[in-house]
């Protein structure tokens, strides 16, 4: 196998030569980075990281369990308060019924007769003069 011959480009397709600037840029000094103090090692121990993760997880679990216990305790307190409230409402209703029975006109009349009181035979109504101021 033979290598094909090179063809020379025509002058019309030849790119123009590059013109270099008259001034050259100053050579930059090489960058020198200080060595890393740990020599490229990781920042911390993976054991310390996992201990930290375990401690944080334990704190979160204990916190969630404590909140749950507080919610349960508060729900028991609410239930106790509701039971006490219903008991007090029942006592209130019983006392209102006793007051209604004690203040009934028939019971008041029986109480008065038992103590020797009687209904008046003759009732007199006295009119008040209209000119009085009625002040104290």
C-alpha atoms as a PDB file:
ATOM      1  CA  UNK A   1       0.000   0.000   0.000  1.00  0.00           C
ATOM      2  CA  UNK A   2       1.262   3.326  -0.867  1.00  0.00           C
ATOM      3  CA  UNK A   3       0.689   6.688   0.735  1.00  0.00           C
ATOM      4  CA  UNK A   4      -1.165   9.185  -1.392  1.00  0.00           C
ATOM      5  CA  UNK A   5       0.790  12.137  -2.536  1.00  0.00           C
ATOM      6  CA  UNK A   6       0.352  15.434  -0.827  1.00  0.00           C
ATOM      7  CA  UNK A   7      -1.392  18.090  -2.637  1.00  0.00           C
ATOM      8  CA  UNK A   8      -0.203  21.623  -2.162  1.00  0.00           C
ATOM      9  CA  UNK A   9      -2.936  24.120  -1.497  1.00  0.00           C
ATOM     10  CA  UNK A  10      -3.427  26.842  -3.977  1.00  0.00           C
ATOM     11  CA  UNK A  11      -2.366  30.352  -2.950  1.00  0.00           C
ATOM     12  CA  UNK A  12      -5.993  31.507  -2.876  1.00  0.00           C
ATOM     13  CA  UNK A  13      -6.883  29.004  -0.162  1.00  0.00           C
ATOM     14  CA  UNK A  14      -3.708  29.491   1.862  1.00  0.00           C
ATOM     15  CA  UNK A  15      -4.472  31.210   5.170  1.00  0.00           C
ATOM     16  CA  UNK A  16      -2.839  34.527   5.862  1.00  0.00           C
ATOM     17  CA  UNK A  17       0.235  34.284   8.063  1.00  0.00           C
ATOM     18  CA  UNK A  18      -0.280  35.218  11.673  1.00  0.00           C
ATOM     19  CA  UNK A  19       0.887  38.605  12.692  1.00  0.00           C
ATOM     20  CA  UNK A  20       2.545  38.612  16.055  1.00  0.00           C
ATOM     21  CA  UNK A  21       2.087  41.594  18.310  1.00  0.00           C
ATOM     22  CA  UNK A  22       5.015  43.933  18.570  1.00  0.00           C
ATOM     23  CA  UNK A  23       5.123  43.534  22.332  1.00  0.00           C
ATOM     24  CA  UNK A  24       5.290  40.242  24.063  1.00  0.00           C
ATOM     25  CA  UNK A  25       3.570  39.636  27.337  1.00  0.00           C
ATOM     26  CA  UNK A  26       5.780  39.342  30.361  1.00  0.00           C
ATOM     27  CA  UNK A  27       6.308  35.823  31.470  1.00  0.00           C
ATOM     28  CA  UNK A  28       4.238  34.931  34.492  1.00  0.00           C
ATOM     29  CA  UNK A  29       6.001  33.454  37.428  1.00  0.00           C
ATOM     30  CA  UNK A  30       4.938  29.884  38.108  1.00  0.00           C
ATOM     31  CA  UNK A  31       2.201  29.524  40.659  1.00  0.00           C
ATOM     32  CA  UNK A  32       3.326  27.999  43.859  1.00  0.00           C
ATOM     33  CA  UNK A  33       0.571  26.698  46.088  1.00  0.00           C
ATOM     34  CA  UNK A  34       1.508  26.004  49.662  1.00  0.00           C
ATOM     35  CA  UNK A  35       1.156  22.371  50.644  1.00  0.00           C
ATOM     36  CA  UNK A  36      -2.009  21.362  52.488  1.00  0.00           C
ATOM     37  CA  UNK A  37      -1.285  20.987  56.198  1.00  0.00           C
ATOM     38  CA  UNK A  38      -2.834  17.509  56.294  1.00  0.00           C
ATOM     39  CA  UNK A  39      -1.174  16.360  53.141  1.00  0.00           C
ATOM     40  CA  UNK A  40      -4.429  15.881  51.226  1.00  0.00           C
ATOM     41  CA  UNK A  41      -5.999  13.698  53.921  1.00  0.00           C
ATOM     42  CA  UNK A  42      -9.657  13.952  54.876  1.00  0.00           C
ATOM     43  CA  UNK A  43     -10.600  16.502  57.467  1.00  0.00           C
ATOM     44  CA  UNK A  44     -11.971  14.164  60.087  1.00  0.00           C
ATOM     45  CA  UNK A  45     -12.115  10.589  61.079  1.00  0.00           C
ATOM     46  CA  UNK A  46     -15.037   8.555  59.693  1.00  0.00           C
ATOM     47  CA  UNK A  47     -15.434   6.996  63.148  1.00  0.00           C
ATOM     48  CA  UNK A  48     -16.019  10.423  64.692  1.00  0.00           C
ATOM     49  CA  UNK A  49     -18.569  11.194  61.967  1.00  0.00           C
ATOM     50  CA  UNK A  50     -20.538   8.008  62.665  1.00  0.00           C
ATOM     51  CA  UNK A  51     -20.420   8.617  66.405  1.00  0.00           C
ATOM     52  CA  UNK A  52     -21.814  12.106  65.824  1.00  0.00           C
ATOM     53  CA  UNK A  53     -24.553  10.706  63.576  1.00  0.00           C
ATOM     54  CA  UNK A  54     -25.450   8.067  66.186  1.00  0.00           C
ATOM     55  CA  UNK A  55     -25.612  10.665  68.973  1.00  0.00           C
ATOM     56  CA  UNK A  56     -27.825  12.963  66.887  1.00  0.00           C
ATOM     57  CA  UNK A  57     -30.121  10.079  65.957  1.00  0.00           C
ATOM     58  CA  UNK A  58     -30.401   9.036  69.621  1.00  0.00           C
ATOM     59  CA  UNK A  59     -31.227  12.610  70.667  1.00  0.00           C
ATOM     60  CA  UNK A  60     -33.911  12.860  67.978  1.00  0.00           C
ATOM     61  CA  UNK A  61     -35.461   9.517  68.955  1.00  0.00           C
ATOM     62  CA  UNK A  62     -35.497  10.456  72.633  1.00  0.00           C
ATOM     63  CA  UNK A  63     -37.023  13.844  71.786  1.00  0.00           C
ATOM     64  CA  UNK A  64     -39.769  12.297  69.673  1.00  0.00           C
ATOM     65  CA  UNK A  65     -40.534   9.730  72.386  1.00  0.00           C
ATOM     66  CA  UNK A  66     -40.694  12.502  75.005  1.00  0.00           C
ATOM     67  CA  UNK A  67     -43.086  14.565  72.895  1.00  0.00           C
ATOM     68  CA  UNK A  68     -45.267  11.526  72.349  1.00  0.00           C
ATOM     69  CA  UNK A  69     -45.364  10.860  76.106  1.00  0.00           C
ATOM     70  CA  UNK A  70     -46.304  14.495  76.752  1.00  0.00           C
ATOM     71  CA  UNK A  71     -49.144  14.312  74.224  1.00  0.00           C
ATOM     72  CA  UNK A  72     -50.476  11.109  75.795  1.00  0.00           C
ATOM     73  CA  UNK A  73     -50.255  12.625  79.273  1.00  0.00           C
ATOM     74  CA  UNK A  74     -52.066  15.769  78.165  1.00  0.00           C
ATOM     75  CA  UNK A  75     -54.809  13.703  76.526  1.00  0.00           C
ATOM     76  CA  UNK A  76     -55.327  11.829  79.834  1.00  0.00           C
ATOM     77  CA  UNK A  77     -55.499  15.175  81.631  1.00  0.00           C
ATOM     78  CA  UNK A  78     -58.098  16.418  79.146  1.00  0.00           C
ATOM     79  CA  UNK A  79     -60.152  13.248  79.664  1.00  0.00           C
ATOM     80  CA  UNK A  80     -60.023  13.690  83.457  1.00  0.00           C
ATOM     81  CA  UNK A  81     -61.076  17.323  83.134  1.00  0.00           C
ATOM     82  CA  UNK A  82     -63.961  16.407  80.836  1.00  0.00           C
ATOM     83  CA  UNK A  83     -65.147  13.764  83.329  1.00  0.00           C
ATOM     84  CA  UNK A  84     -64.955  16.317  86.154  1.00  0.00           C
ATOM     85  CA  UNK A  85     -66.849  18.826  84.027  1.00  0.00           C
ATOM     86  CA  UNK A  86     -69.641  16.377  83.280  1.00  0.00           C
ATOM     87  CA  UNK A  87     -69.905  15.535  87.013  1.00  0.00           C
ATOM     88  CA  UNK A  88     -70.141  19.228  87.896  1.00  0.00           C
ATOM     89  CA  UNK A  89     -72.756  19.816  85.198  1.00  0.00           C
ATOM     90  CA  UNK A  90     -74.855  16.973  86.638  1.00  0.00           C
ATOM     91  CA  UNK A  91     -74.558  18.468  90.149  1.00  0.00           C
ATOM     92  CA  UNK A  92     -75.531  21.870  88.753  1.00  0.00           C
ATOM     93  CA  UNK A  93     -78.612  20.418  87.088  1.00  0.00           C
ATOM     94  CA  UNK A  94     -79.596  18.622  90.317  1.00  0.00           C
ATOM     95  CA  UNK A  95     -79.220  21.806  92.362  1.00  0.00           C
ATOM     96  CA  UNK A  96     -81.260  23.846  89.861  1.00  0.00           C
ATOM     97  CA  UNK A  97     -84.030  21.277  90.134  1.00  0.00           C
ATOM     98  CA  UNK A  98     -83.930  21.502  93.951  1.00  0.00           C
ATOM     99  CA  UNK A  99     -84.125  25.308  93.763  1.00  0.00           C
ATOM    100  CA  UNK A 100     -87.070  25.101  91.361  1.00  0.00           C
ATOM    101  CA  UNK A 101     -88.912  22.734  93.707  1.00  0.00           C
ATOM    102  CA  UNK A 102     -88.096  24.822  96.799  1.00  0.00           C
ATOM    103  CA  UNK A 103     -89.313  28.049  95.234  1.00  0.00           C
ATOM    104  CA  UNK A 104     -92.562  26.745  93.766  1.00  0.00           C
ATOM    105  CA  UNK A 105     -95.625  28.716  94.995  1.00  0.00           C
ATOM    106  CA  UNK A 106     -97.320  25.570  96.312  1.00  0.00           C
ATOM    107  CA  UNK A 107     -94.329  24.634  98.469  1.00  0.00           C
ATOM    108  CA  UNK A 108     -93.982  28.213  99.786  1.00  0.00           C
ATOM    109  CA  UNK A 109     -97.673  28.201 100.761  1.00  0.00           C
ATOM    110  CA  UNK A 110     -97.320  24.850 102.563  1.00  0.00           C
ATOM    111  CA  UNK A 111     -94.266  26.145 104.401  1.00  0.00           C
ATOM    112  CA  UNK A 112     -96.147  29.302 105.481  1.00  0.00           C
ATOM    113  CA  UNK A 113     -99.218  27.311 106.711  1.00  0.00           C
ATOM    114  CA  UNK A 114     -96.934  24.992 108.682  1.00  0.00           C
ATOM    115  CA  UNK A 115     -95.636  28.045 110.530  1.00  0.00           C
ATOM    116  CA  UNK A 116     -99.074  29.481 111.297  1.00  0.00           C
ATOM    117  CA  UNK A 117     -99.351  32.010 108.488  1.00  0.00           C
ATOM    118  CA  UNK A 118    -102.615  32.505 106.626  1.00  0.00           C
ATOM    119  CA  UNK A 119    -103.906  34.339 103.599  1.00  0.00           C
ATOM    120  CA  UNK A 120    -105.336  37.812 104.320  1.00  0.00           C
ATOM    121  CA  UNK A 121    -109.128  38.156 104.412  1.00  0.00           C
ATOM    122  CA  UNK A 122    -109.276  41.762 103.324  1.00  0.00           C
ATOM    123  CA  UNK A 123    -106.595  43.293 101.025  1.00  0.00           C
ATOM    124  CA  UNK A 124    -106.312  47.081 100.875  1.00  0.00           C
ATOM    125  CA  UNK A 125    -104.352  48.813  98.133  1.00  0.00           C
ATOM    126  CA  UNK A 126    -103.071  52.285  98.981  1.00  0.00           C
ATOM    127  CA  UNK A 127    -102.433  54.630  96.068  1.00  0.00           C
ATOM    128  CA  UNK A 128     -99.269  56.723  96.150  1.00  0.00           C
ATOM    129  CA  UNK A 129     -99.504  60.459  95.511  1.00  0.00           C
ATOM    130  CA  UNK A 130     -98.352  61.265  92.002  1.00  0.00           C
ATOM    131  CA  UNK A 131     -96.453  64.421  93.009  1.00  0.00           C
ATOM    132  CA  UNK A 132     -93.804  62.733  95.114  1.00  0.00           C
ATOM    133  CA  UNK A 133     -90.353  62.447  93.575  1.00  0.00           C
ATOM    134  CA  UNK A 134     -89.871  58.940  94.875  1.00  0.00           C
ATOM    135  CA  UNK A 135     -86.312  59.761  95.842  1.00  0.00           C
ATOM    136  CA  UNK A 136     -84.369  58.064  98.533  1.00  0.00           C
END
